[in-house]
PDB file of N, CA and C in Angstrom:
ATOM      1  N   UNK A   1     300.781 -18.668  19.442  1.00  0.00           N
ATOM      2  CA  UNK A   1     299.430 -18.874  18.762  1.00  0.00           C
ATOM      3  C   UNK A   1     298.826 -20.320  18.701  1.00  0.00           C
ATOM      4  N   UNK A   2     299.781 -21.142  18.512  1.00  0.00           N
ATOM      5  CA  UNK A   2     299.402 -22.582  18.744  1.00  0.00           C
ATOM      6  C   UNK A   2     299.531 -23.215  19.979  1.00  0.00           C
ATOM      7  N   UNK A   3     298.644 -24.177  20.490  1.00  0.00           N
ATOM      8  CA  UNK A   3     298.844 -24.841  21.820  1.00  0.00           C
ATOM      9  C   UNK A   3     298.914 -26.204  21.539  1.00  0.00           C
ATOM     10  N   UNK A   4     299.529 -26.827  22.558  1.00  0.00           N
ATOM     11  CA  UNK A   4     299.442 -28.324  22.423  1.00  0.00           C
ATOM     12  C   UNK A   4     298.178 -28.855  22.654  1.00  0.00           C
ATOM     13  N   UNK A   5     297.883 -30.028  22.059  1.00  0.00           N
ATOM     14  CA  UNK A   5     296.523 -30.616  22.010  1.00  0.00           C
ATOM     15  C   UNK A   5     296.198 -30.977  23.515  1.00  0.00           C
ATOM     16  N   UNK A   6     297.030 -31.473  24.179  1.00  0.00           N
ATOM     17  CA  UNK A   6     296.769 -32.020  25.658  1.00  0.00           C
ATOM     18  C   UNK A   6     296.340 -30.725  26.469  1.00  0.00           C
ATOM     19  N   UNK A   7     296.887 -29.606  26.306  1.00  0.00           N
ATOM     20  CA  UNK A   7     296.557 -28.291  26.994  1.00  0.00           C
ATOM     21  C   UNK A   7     295.203 -27.922  26.510  1.00  0.00           C
ATOM     22  N   UNK A   8     294.889 -28.057  25.300  1.00  0.00           N
ATOM     23  CA  UNK A   8     293.650 -27.604  24.887  1.00  0.00           C
ATOM     24  C   UNK A   8     292.505 -28.542  25.400  1.00  0.00           C
ATOM     25  N   UNK A   9     292.798 -29.719  25.617  1.00  0.00           N
ATOM     26  CA  UNK A   9     291.871 -30.707  26.108  1.00  0.00           C
ATOM     27  C   UNK A   9     291.658 -30.389  27.698  1.00  0.00           C
ATOM     28  N   UNK A  10     292.641 -30.019  28.331  1.00  0.00           N
ATOM     29  CA  UNK A  10     292.521 -29.699  29.720  1.00  0.00           C
ATOM     30  C   UNK A  10     291.718 -28.602  29.887  1.00  0.00           C
ATOM     31  N   UNK A  11     291.714 -27.525  29.070  1.00  0.00           N
ATOM     32  CA  UNK A  11     290.835 -26.288  29.140  1.00  0.00           C
ATOM     33  C   UNK A  11     289.407 -26.794  28.785  1.00  0.00           C
ATOM     34  N   UNK A  12     289.349 -27.664  27.768  1.00  0.00           N
ATOM     35  CA  UNK A  12     287.931 -28.103  27.485  1.00  0.00           C
ATOM     36  C   UNK A  12     287.350 -28.963  28.556  1.00  0.00           C
ATOM     37  N   UNK A  13     288.250 -29.590  29.421  1.00  0.00           N
ATOM     38  CA  UNK A  13     287.594 -30.528  30.396  1.00  0.00           C
ATOM     39  C   UNK A  13     286.870 -29.618  31.507  1.00  0.00           C
ATOM     40  N   UNK A  14     287.476 -28.368  31.707  1.00  0.00           N
ATOM     41  CA  UNK A  14     286.973 -27.644  32.854  1.00  0.00           C
ATOM     42  C   UNK A  14     285.860 -26.801  32.211  1.00  0.00           C
ATOM     43  N   UNK A  15     285.433 -26.645  31.121  1.00  0.00           N
ATOM     44  CA  UNK A  15     284.274 -26.131  30.549  1.00  0.00           C
ATOM     45  C   UNK A  15     283.149 -26.929  31.088  1.00  0.00           C
ATOM     46  N   UNK A  16     282.203 -26.146  31.757  1.00  0.00           N
ATOM     47  CA  UNK A  16     281.041 -26.837  32.358  1.00  0.00           C
ATOM     48  C   UNK A  16     280.226 -27.748  31.345  1.00  0.00           C
ATOM     49  N   UNK A  17     279.943 -26.976  30.137  1.00  0.00           N
ATOM     50  CA  UNK A  17     279.139 -27.566  29.135  1.00  0.00           C
ATOM     51  C   UNK A  17     279.793 -28.832  28.580  1.00  0.00           C
ATOM     52  N   UNK A  18     281.028 -28.959  28.470  1.00  0.00           N
ATOM     53  CA  UNK A  18     281.796 -30.003  27.831  1.00  0.00           C
ATOM     54  C   UNK A  18     282.048 -31.142  28.846  1.00  0.00           C
ATOM     55  N   UNK A  19     281.866 -30.667  30.059  1.00  0.00           N
ATOM     56  CA  UNK A  19     282.436 -31.830  31.183  1.00  0.00           C
ATOM     57  C   UNK A  19     281.632 -33.076  30.955  1.00  0.00           C
ATOM     58  N   UNK A  20     280.297 -32.967  30.759  1.00  0.00           N
ATOM     59  CA  UNK A  20     279.445 -34.209  30.590  1.00  0.00           C
ATOM     60  C   UNK A  20     279.850 -35.094  29.579  1.00  0.00           C
ATOM     61  N   UNK A  21     280.408 -34.504  28.490  1.00  0.00           N
ATOM     62  CA  UNK A  21     280.978 -35.453  27.413  1.00  0.00           C
ATOM     63  C   UNK A  21     282.220 -36.158  27.700  1.00  0.00           C
ATOM     64  N   UNK A  22     283.106 -35.587  28.392  1.00  0.00           N
ATOM     65  CA  UNK A  22     284.271 -36.187  28.827  1.00  0.00           C
ATOM     66  C   UNK A  22     283.912 -37.297  29.832  1.00  0.00           C
ATOM     67  N   UNK A  23     283.056 -37.080  30.608  1.00  0.00           N
ATOM     68  CA  UNK A  23     282.602 -38.071  31.721  1.00  0.00           C
ATOM     69  C   UNK A  23     282.043 -39.352  30.894  1.00  0.00           C
ATOM     70  N   UNK A  24     281.125 -39.063  30.015  1.00  0.00           N
ATOM     71  CA  UNK A  24     280.502 -40.137  29.120  1.00  0.00           C
ATOM     72  C   UNK A  24     281.445 -40.973  28.509  1.00  0.00           C
ATOM     73  N   UNK A  25     282.417 -40.210  27.935  1.00  0.00           N
ATOM     74  CA  UNK A  25     283.597 -41.015  27.194  1.00  0.00           C
ATOM     75  C   UNK A  25     284.259 -41.964  28.273  1.00  0.00           C
ATOM     76  N   UNK A  26     284.540 -41.383  29.258  1.00  0.00           N
ATOM     77  CA  UNK A  26     285.279 -42.209  30.282  1.00  0.00           C
ATOM     78  C   UNK A  26     284.390 -43.446  30.803  1.00  0.00           C
ATOM     79  N   UNK A  27     283.174 -43.184  31.046  1.00  0.00           N
ATOM     80  CA  UNK A  27     282.242 -44.247  31.509  1.00  0.00           C
ATOM     81  C   UNK A  27     282.150 -45.290  30.431  1.00  0.00           C
ATOM     82  N   UNK A  28     282.042 -44.771  29.129  1.00  0.00           N
ATOM     83  CA  UNK A  28     281.827 -45.714  27.987  1.00  0.00           C
ATOM     84  C   UNK A  28     283.214 -46.544  27.946  1.00  0.00           C
ATOM     85  N   UNK A  29     284.436 -46.186  28.145  1.00  0.00           N
ATOM     86  CA  UNK A  29     285.499 -46.989  28.127  1.00  0.00           C
ATOM     87  C   UNK A  29     285.735 -47.907  29.190  1.00  0.00           C
ATOM     88  N   UNK A  30     285.175 -47.302  30.466  1.00  0.00           N
ATOM     89  CA  UNK A  30     285.247 -48.264  31.555  1.00  0.00           C
ATOM     90  C   UNK A  30     284.371 -49.481  31.404  1.00  0.00           C
ATOM     91  N   UNK A  31     283.105 -49.097  30.828  1.00  0.00           N
ATOM     92  CA  UNK A  31     282.238 -50.111  30.688  1.00  0.00           C
ATOM     93  C   UNK A  31     282.725 -51.282  29.733  1.00  0.00           C
ATOM     94  N   UNK A  32     283.322 -50.900  28.670  1.00  0.00           N
ATOM     95  CA  UNK A  32     283.949 -51.778  27.710  1.00  0.00           C
ATOM     96  C   UNK A  32     284.995 -52.572  28.183  1.00  0.00           C
ATOM     97  N   UNK A  33     285.763 -52.080  29.095  1.00  0.00           N
ATOM     98  CA  UNK A  33     287.055 -52.683  29.623  1.00  0.00           C
ATOM     99  C   UNK A  33     286.782 -53.359  30.736  1.00  0.00           C
ATOM    100  N   UNK A  34     285.981 -53.044  31.796  1.00  0.00           N
ATOM    101  CA  UNK A  34     285.746 -53.722  33.149  1.00  0.00           C
ATOM    102  C   UNK A  34     284.547 -54.605  33.228  1.00  0.00           C
ATOM    103  N   UNK A  35     283.429 -54.449  32.397  1.00  0.00           N
ATOM    104  CA  UNK A  35     282.235 -55.310  32.512  1.00  0.00           C
ATOM    105  C   UNK A  35     282.506 -56.547  31.657  1.00  0.00           C
ATOM    106  N   UNK A  36     281.871 -57.498  32.096  1.00  0.00           N
ATOM    107  CA  UNK A  36     281.950 -58.768  31.314  1.00  0.00           C
ATOM    108  C   UNK A  36     281.620 -58.755  29.792  1.00  0.00           C
ATOM    109  N   UNK A  37     282.182 -59.334  28.960  1.00  0.00           N
ATOM    110  CA  UNK A  37     281.907 -59.109  27.432  1.00  0.00           C
ATOM    111  C   UNK A  37     280.584 -59.697  27.068  1.00  0.00           C
ATOM    112  N   UNK A  38     279.941 -60.527  27.840  1.00  0.00           N
ATOM    113  CA  UNK A  38     278.400 -60.928  27.463  1.00  0.00           C
ATOM    114  C   UNK A  38     277.564 -59.814  27.840  1.00  0.00           C
ATOM    115  N   UNK A  39     277.803 -59.093  28.793  1.00  0.00           N
ATOM    116  CA  UNK A  39     277.008 -57.860  29.259  1.00  0.00           C
ATOM    117  C   UNK A  39     277.253 -56.746  28.203  1.00  0.00           C
ATOM    118  N   UNK A  40     278.429 -56.540  27.808  1.00  0.00           N
ATOM    119  CA  UNK A  40     278.834 -55.410  26.954  1.00  0.00           C
ATOM    120  C   UNK A  40     278.170 -55.707  25.424  1.00  0.00           C
ATOM    121  N   UNK A  41     277.996 -56.884  25.021  1.00  0.00           N
ATOM    122  CA  UNK A  41     277.422 -57.398  23.744  1.00  0.00           C
ATOM    123  C   UNK A  41     275.831 -57.157  23.871  1.00  0.00           C
ATOM    124  N   UNK A  42     275.311 -57.140  25.066  1.00  0.00           N
ATOM    125  CA  UNK A  42     273.907 -57.022  25.171  1.00  0.00           C
ATOM    126  C   UNK A  42     273.440 -55.663  25.819  1.00  0.00           C
ATOM    127  N   UNK A  43     274.270 -54.758  25.807  1.00  0.00           N
ATOM    128  CA  UNK A  43     273.953 -53.332  26.387  1.00  0.00           C
ATOM    129  C   UNK A  43     274.535 -52.288  25.643  1.00  0.00           C
ATOM    130  N   UNK A  44     273.924 -51.165  25.666  1.00  0.00           N
ATOM    131  CA  UNK A  44     274.642 -49.895  25.140  1.00  0.00           C
ATOM    132  C   UNK A  44     274.251 -48.719  25.882  1.00  0.00           C
ATOM    133  N   UNK A  45     275.418 -47.892  26.193  1.00  0.00           N
ATOM    134  CA  UNK A  45     275.119 -46.716  27.092  1.00  0.00           C
ATOM    135  C   UNK A  45     274.539 -45.677  26.087  1.00  0.00           C
ATOM    136  N   UNK A  46     273.308 -45.245  26.436  1.00  0.00           N
ATOM    137  CA  UNK A  46     272.813 -44.273  25.596  1.00  0.00           C
ATOM    138  C   UNK A  46     272.579 -42.712  26.153  1.00  0.00           C
ATOM    139  N   UNK A  47     272.842 -42.566  27.383  1.00  0.00           N
ATOM    140  CA  UNK A  47     272.777 -41.256  27.907  1.00  0.00           C
ATOM    141  C   UNK A  47     273.422 -41.177  29.353  1.00  0.00           C
ATOM    142  N   UNK A  48     273.981 -39.999  29.574  1.00  0.00           N
ATOM    143  CA  UNK A  48     274.551 -39.702  30.816  1.00  0.00           C
ATOM    144  C   UNK A  48     273.939 -38.220  31.258  1.00  0.00           C
ATOM    145  N   UNK A  49     273.039 -38.136  32.154  1.00  0.00           N
ATOM    146  CA  UNK A  49     272.589 -36.924  32.369  1.00  0.00           C
ATOM    147  C   UNK A  49     272.503 -36.687  33.999  1.00  0.00           C
ATOM    148  N   UNK A  50     273.075 -35.465  34.659  1.00  0.00           N
ATOM    149  CA  UNK A  50     273.032 -35.573  36.100  1.00  0.00           C
ATOM    150  C   UNK A  50     273.678 -36.655  36.742  1.00  0.00           C
ATOM    151  N   UNK A  51     274.652 -37.247  36.148  1.00  0.00           N
ATOM    152  CA  UNK A  51     275.418 -38.475  36.939  1.00  0.00           C
ATOM    153  C   UNK A  51     274.553 -39.613  37.107  1.00  0.00           C
ATOM    154  N   UNK A  52     273.599 -39.695  36.037  1.00  0.00           N
ATOM    155  CA  UNK A  52     272.793 -41.035  35.871  1.00  0.00           C
ATOM    156  C   UNK A  52     273.090 -41.497  34.675  1.00  0.00           C
ATOM    157  N   UNK A  53     273.444 -42.850  34.619  1.00  0.00           N
ATOM    158  CA  UNK A  53     273.543 -43.386  33.218  1.00  0.00           C
ATOM    159  C   UNK A  53     272.364 -44.108  32.880  1.00  0.00           C
ATOM    160  N   UNK A  54     272.021 -44.048  31.521  1.00  0.00           N
ATOM    161  CA  UNK A  54     270.874 -44.743  30.947  1.00  0.00           C
ATOM    162  C   UNK A  54     271.457 -45.656  29.927  1.00  0.00           C
ATOM    163  N   UNK A  55     271.147 -47.011  30.287  1.00  0.00           N
ATOM    164  CA  UNK A  55     271.600 -48.172  29.542  1.00  0.00           C
ATOM    165  C   UNK A  55     270.575 -48.945  28.737  1.00  0.00           C
ATOM    166  N   UNK A  56     270.792 -49.091  27.440  1.00  0.00           N
ATOM    167  CA  UNK A  56     269.726 -49.955  26.758  1.00  0.00           C
ATOM    168  C   UNK A  56     270.181 -51.223  26.773  1.00  0.00           C
ATOM    169  N   UNK A  57     269.193 -52.157  26.999  1.00  0.00           N
ATOM    170  CA  UNK A  57     269.532 -53.660  26.877  1.00  0.00           C
ATOM    171  C   UNK A  57     268.822 -54.299  25.701  1.00  0.00           C
ATOM    172  N   UNK A  58     269.462 -55.402  25.231  1.00  0.00           N
ATOM    173  CA  UNK A  58     268.740 -56.068  24.051  1.00  0.00           C
ATOM    174  C   UNK A  58     267.419 -56.861  24.327  1.00  0.00           C
ATOM    175  N   UNK A  59     267.229 -57.177  25.599  1.00  0.00           N
ATOM    176  CA  UNK A  59     266.065 -57.945  25.980  1.00  0.00           C
ATOM    177  C   UNK A  59     265.678 -57.704  27.329  1.00  0.00           C
ATOM    178  N   UNK A  60     264.480 -57.765  27.564  1.00  0.00           N
ATOM    179  CA  UNK A  60     263.840 -57.603  29.197  1.00  0.00           C
ATOM    180  C   UNK A  60     264.492 -58.324  30.183  1.00  0.00           C
ATOM    181  N   UNK A  61     264.894 -59.418  29.807  1.00  0.00           N
ATOM    182  CA  UNK A  61     265.584 -60.444  30.898  1.00  0.00           C
ATOM    183  C   UNK A  61     266.981 -59.751  31.153  1.00  0.00           C
ATOM    184  N   UNK A  62     267.739 -59.150  30.186  1.00  0.00           N
ATOM    185  CA  UNK A  62     269.058 -58.367  30.671  1.00  0.00           C
ATOM    186  C   UNK A  62     268.693 -57.246  31.387  1.00  0.00           C
ATOM    187  N   UNK A  63     267.612 -56.531  31.270  1.00  0.00           N
ATOM    188  CA  UNK A  63     267.201 -55.301  32.057  1.00  0.00           C
ATOM    189  C   UNK A  63     266.994 -55.944  33.374  1.00  0.00           C
ATOM    190  N   UNK A  64     266.364 -56.957  33.817  1.00  0.00           N
ATOM    191  CA  UNK A  64     266.094 -57.422  34.955  1.00  0.00           C
ATOM    192  C   UNK A  64     267.422 -58.013  35.747  1.00  0.00           C
ATOM    193  N   UNK A  65     268.195 -58.681  35.017  1.00  0.00           N
ATOM    194  CA  UNK A  65     269.429 -59.208  35.497  1.00  0.00           C
ATOM    195  C   UNK A  65     270.352 -58.226  35.939  1.00  0.00           C
ATOM    196  N   UNK A  66     270.433 -57.158  35.141  1.00  0.00           N
ATOM    197  CA  UNK A  66     271.514 -56.122  35.437  1.00  0.00           C
ATOM    198  C   UNK A  66     271.005 -55.130  36.503  1.00  0.00           C
ATOM    199  N   UNK A  67     269.476 -55.168  36.735  1.00  0.00           N
ATOM    200  CA  UNK A  67     268.869 -54.505  37.868  1.00  0.00           C
ATOM    201  C   UNK A  67     269.290 -54.986  39.100  1.00  0.00           C
ATOM    202  N   UNK A  68     269.470 -56.327  39.185  1.00  0.00           N
ATOM    203  CA  UNK A  68     269.975 -57.045  40.390  1.00  0.00           C
ATOM    204  C   UNK A  68     271.634 -56.781  40.665  1.00  0.00           C
ATOM    205  N   UNK A  69     272.234 -56.425  39.619  1.00  0.00           N
ATOM    206  CA  UNK A  69     273.807 -56.296  39.621  1.00  0.00           C
ATOM    207  C   UNK A  69     273.955 -54.722  39.762  1.00  0.00           C
ATOM    208  N   UNK A  70     273.016 -53.885  39.737  1.00  0.00           N
ATOM    209  CA  UNK A  70     273.252 -52.374  39.706  1.00  0.00           C
ATOM    210  C   UNK A  70     274.286 -51.915  40.718  1.00  0.00           C
ATOM    211  N   UNK A  71     274.316 -52.328  42.005  1.00  0.00           N
ATOM    212  CA  UNK A  71     275.289 -51.830  42.884  1.00  0.00           C
ATOM    213  C   UNK A  71     276.694 -52.245  42.643  1.00  0.00           C
ATOM    214  N   UNK A  72     276.923 -53.466  42.255  1.00  0.00           N
ATOM    215  CA  UNK A  72     278.097 -53.715  41.760  1.00  0.00           C
ATOM    216  C   UNK A  72     278.741 -53.119  40.732  1.00  0.00           C
ATOM    217  N   UNK A  73     277.852 -52.921  39.603  1.00  0.00           N
ATOM    218  CA  UNK A  73     278.258 -52.173  38.346  1.00  0.00           C
ATOM    219  C   UNK A  73     278.651 -50.745  38.674  1.00  0.00           C
ATOM    220  N   UNK A  74     277.780 -50.079  39.635  1.00  0.00           N
ATOM    221  CA  UNK A  74     278.161 -48.669  40.135  1.00  0.00           C
ATOM    222  C   UNK A  74     279.553 -48.648  40.803  1.00  0.00           C
ATOM    223  N   UNK A  75     279.868 -49.661  41.542  1.00  0.00           N
ATOM    224  CA  UNK A  75     281.107 -49.703  42.289  1.00  0.00           C
ATOM    225  C   UNK A  75     282.306 -49.864  41.190  1.00  0.00           C
ATOM    226  N   UNK A  76     281.996 -50.768  40.199  1.00  0.00           N
ATOM    227  CA  UNK A  76     283.127 -51.073  39.278  1.00  0.00           C
ATOM    228  C   UNK A  76     283.388 -49.483  38.492  1.00  0.00           C
ATOM    229  N   UNK A  77     282.225 -49.082  38.104  1.00  0.00           N
ATOM    230  CA  UNK A  77     282.415 -47.715  37.244  1.00  0.00           C
ATOM    231  C   UNK A  77     282.922 -46.448  38.366  1.00  0.00           C
ATOM    232  N   UNK A  78     282.495 -46.425  39.349  1.00  0.00           N
ATOM    233  CA  UNK A  78     282.925 -45.329  40.169  1.00  0.00           C
ATOM    234  C   UNK A  78     284.325 -45.396  40.677  1.00  0.00           C
ATOM    235  N   UNK A  79     284.910 -46.639  40.949  1.00  0.00           N
ATOM    236  CA  UNK A  79     286.306 -46.764  41.492  1.00  0.00           C
ATOM    237  C   UNK A  79     287.243 -46.239  40.459  1.00  0.00           C
ATOM    238  N   UNK A  80     286.842 -46.078  39.136  1.00  0.00           N
ATOM    239  CA  UNK A  80     287.819 -45.614  37.984  1.00  0.00           C
ATOM    240  C   UNK A  80     287.496 -43.948  37.851  1.00  0.00           C
ATOM    241  N   UNK A  81     286.501 -43.426  38.505  1.00  0.00           N
ATOM    242  CA  UNK A  81     286.270 -41.884  38.313  1.00  0.00           C
ATOM    243  C   UNK A  81     286.699 -41.099  39.578  1.00  0.00           C
ATOM    244  N   UNK A  82     287.007 -39.755  39.368  1.00  0.00           N
ATOM    245  CA  UNK A  82     287.181 -38.939  40.234  1.00  0.00           C
ATOM    246  C   UNK A  82     285.983 -38.705  41.213  1.00  0.00           C
ATOM    247  N   UNK A  83     286.289 -38.250  42.392  1.00  0.00           N
ATOM    248  CA  UNK A  83     285.055 -38.085  43.340  1.00  0.00           C
ATOM    249  C   UNK A  83     283.949 -37.037  42.758  1.00  0.00           C
ATOM    250  N   UNK A  84     284.447 -36.258  42.039  1.00  0.00           N
ATOM    251  CA  UNK A  84     283.475 -35.254  41.434  1.00  0.00           C
ATOM    252  C   UNK A  84     282.744 -35.791  40.293  1.00  0.00           C
ATOM    253  N   UNK A  85     283.276 -36.828  39.705  1.00  0.00           N
ATOM    254  CA  UNK A  85     282.478 -37.396  38.527  1.00  0.00           C
ATOM    255  C   UNK A  85     281.695 -38.563  38.838  1.00  0.00           C
ATOM    256  N   UNK A  86     281.536 -38.983  40.070  1.00  0.00           N
ATOM    257  CA  UNK A  86     280.911 -40.256  40.513  1.00  0.00           C
ATOM    258  C   UNK A  86     279.410 -40.371  39.950  1.00  0.00           C
ATOM    259  N   UNK A  87     279.195 -41.628  39.551  1.00  0.00           N
ATOM    260  CA  UNK A  87     277.950 -41.801  39.006  1.00  0.00           C
ATOM    261  C   UNK A  87     276.809 -42.200  40.105  1.00  0.00           C
ATOM    262  N   UNK A  88     275.593 -41.517  40.221  1.00  0.00           N
ATOM    263  CA  UNK A  88     274.816 -41.767  41.110  1.00  0.00           C
ATOM    264  C   UNK A  88     273.855 -43.037  40.938  1.00  0.00           C
ATOM    265  N   UNK A  89     273.479 -43.232  39.777  1.00  0.00           N
ATOM    266  CA  UNK A  89     272.516 -44.266  39.441  1.00  0.00           C
ATOM    267  C   UNK A  89     272.675 -44.707  38.164  1.00  0.00           C
ATOM    268  N   UNK A  90     272.129 -45.942  37.784  1.00  0.00           N
ATOM    269  CA  UNK A  90     272.041 -46.563  36.610  1.00  0.00           C
ATOM    270  C   UNK A  90     270.646 -46.906  36.117  1.00  0.00           C
ATOM    271  N   UNK A  91     269.978 -46.404  34.972  1.00  0.00           N
ATOM    272  CA  UNK A  91     268.793 -46.869  34.613  1.00  0.00           C
ATOM    273  C   UNK A  91     268.945 -47.714  33.573  1.00  0.00           C
ATOM    274  N   UNK A  92     268.146 -48.840  33.464  1.00  0.00           N
ATOM    275  CA  UNK A  92     268.093 -49.780  32.238  1.00  0.00           C
ATOM    276  C   UNK A  92     266.801 -49.783  31.685  1.00  0.00           C
ATOM    277  N   UNK A  93     266.803 -49.622  30.248  1.00  0.00           N
ATOM    278  CA  UNK A  93     265.637 -49.515  29.486  1.00  0.00           C
ATOM    279  C   UNK A  93     265.749 -50.715  28.366  1.00  0.00           C
TER     280      UNK A  93
END
């Protein structure tokens, strides 16, 4: 009757509707761990839709700066994700 929590999570990860939330959580953890602390302090991941991350910045200057670093940030995130979970793009707002 009862299942282990880990097996329940594995079943939930395969659910198409919930998969997005597991990827969002992974990306959030990668962002906090791998990206520079000054960038983390001035950004917030607000959405993940169709493998595109939307990140809110504290100031327009951060939006511009991170726009120049977009390809590098994508590499940092994608190297920690499975091939099926790869992020296609980052939008800064």
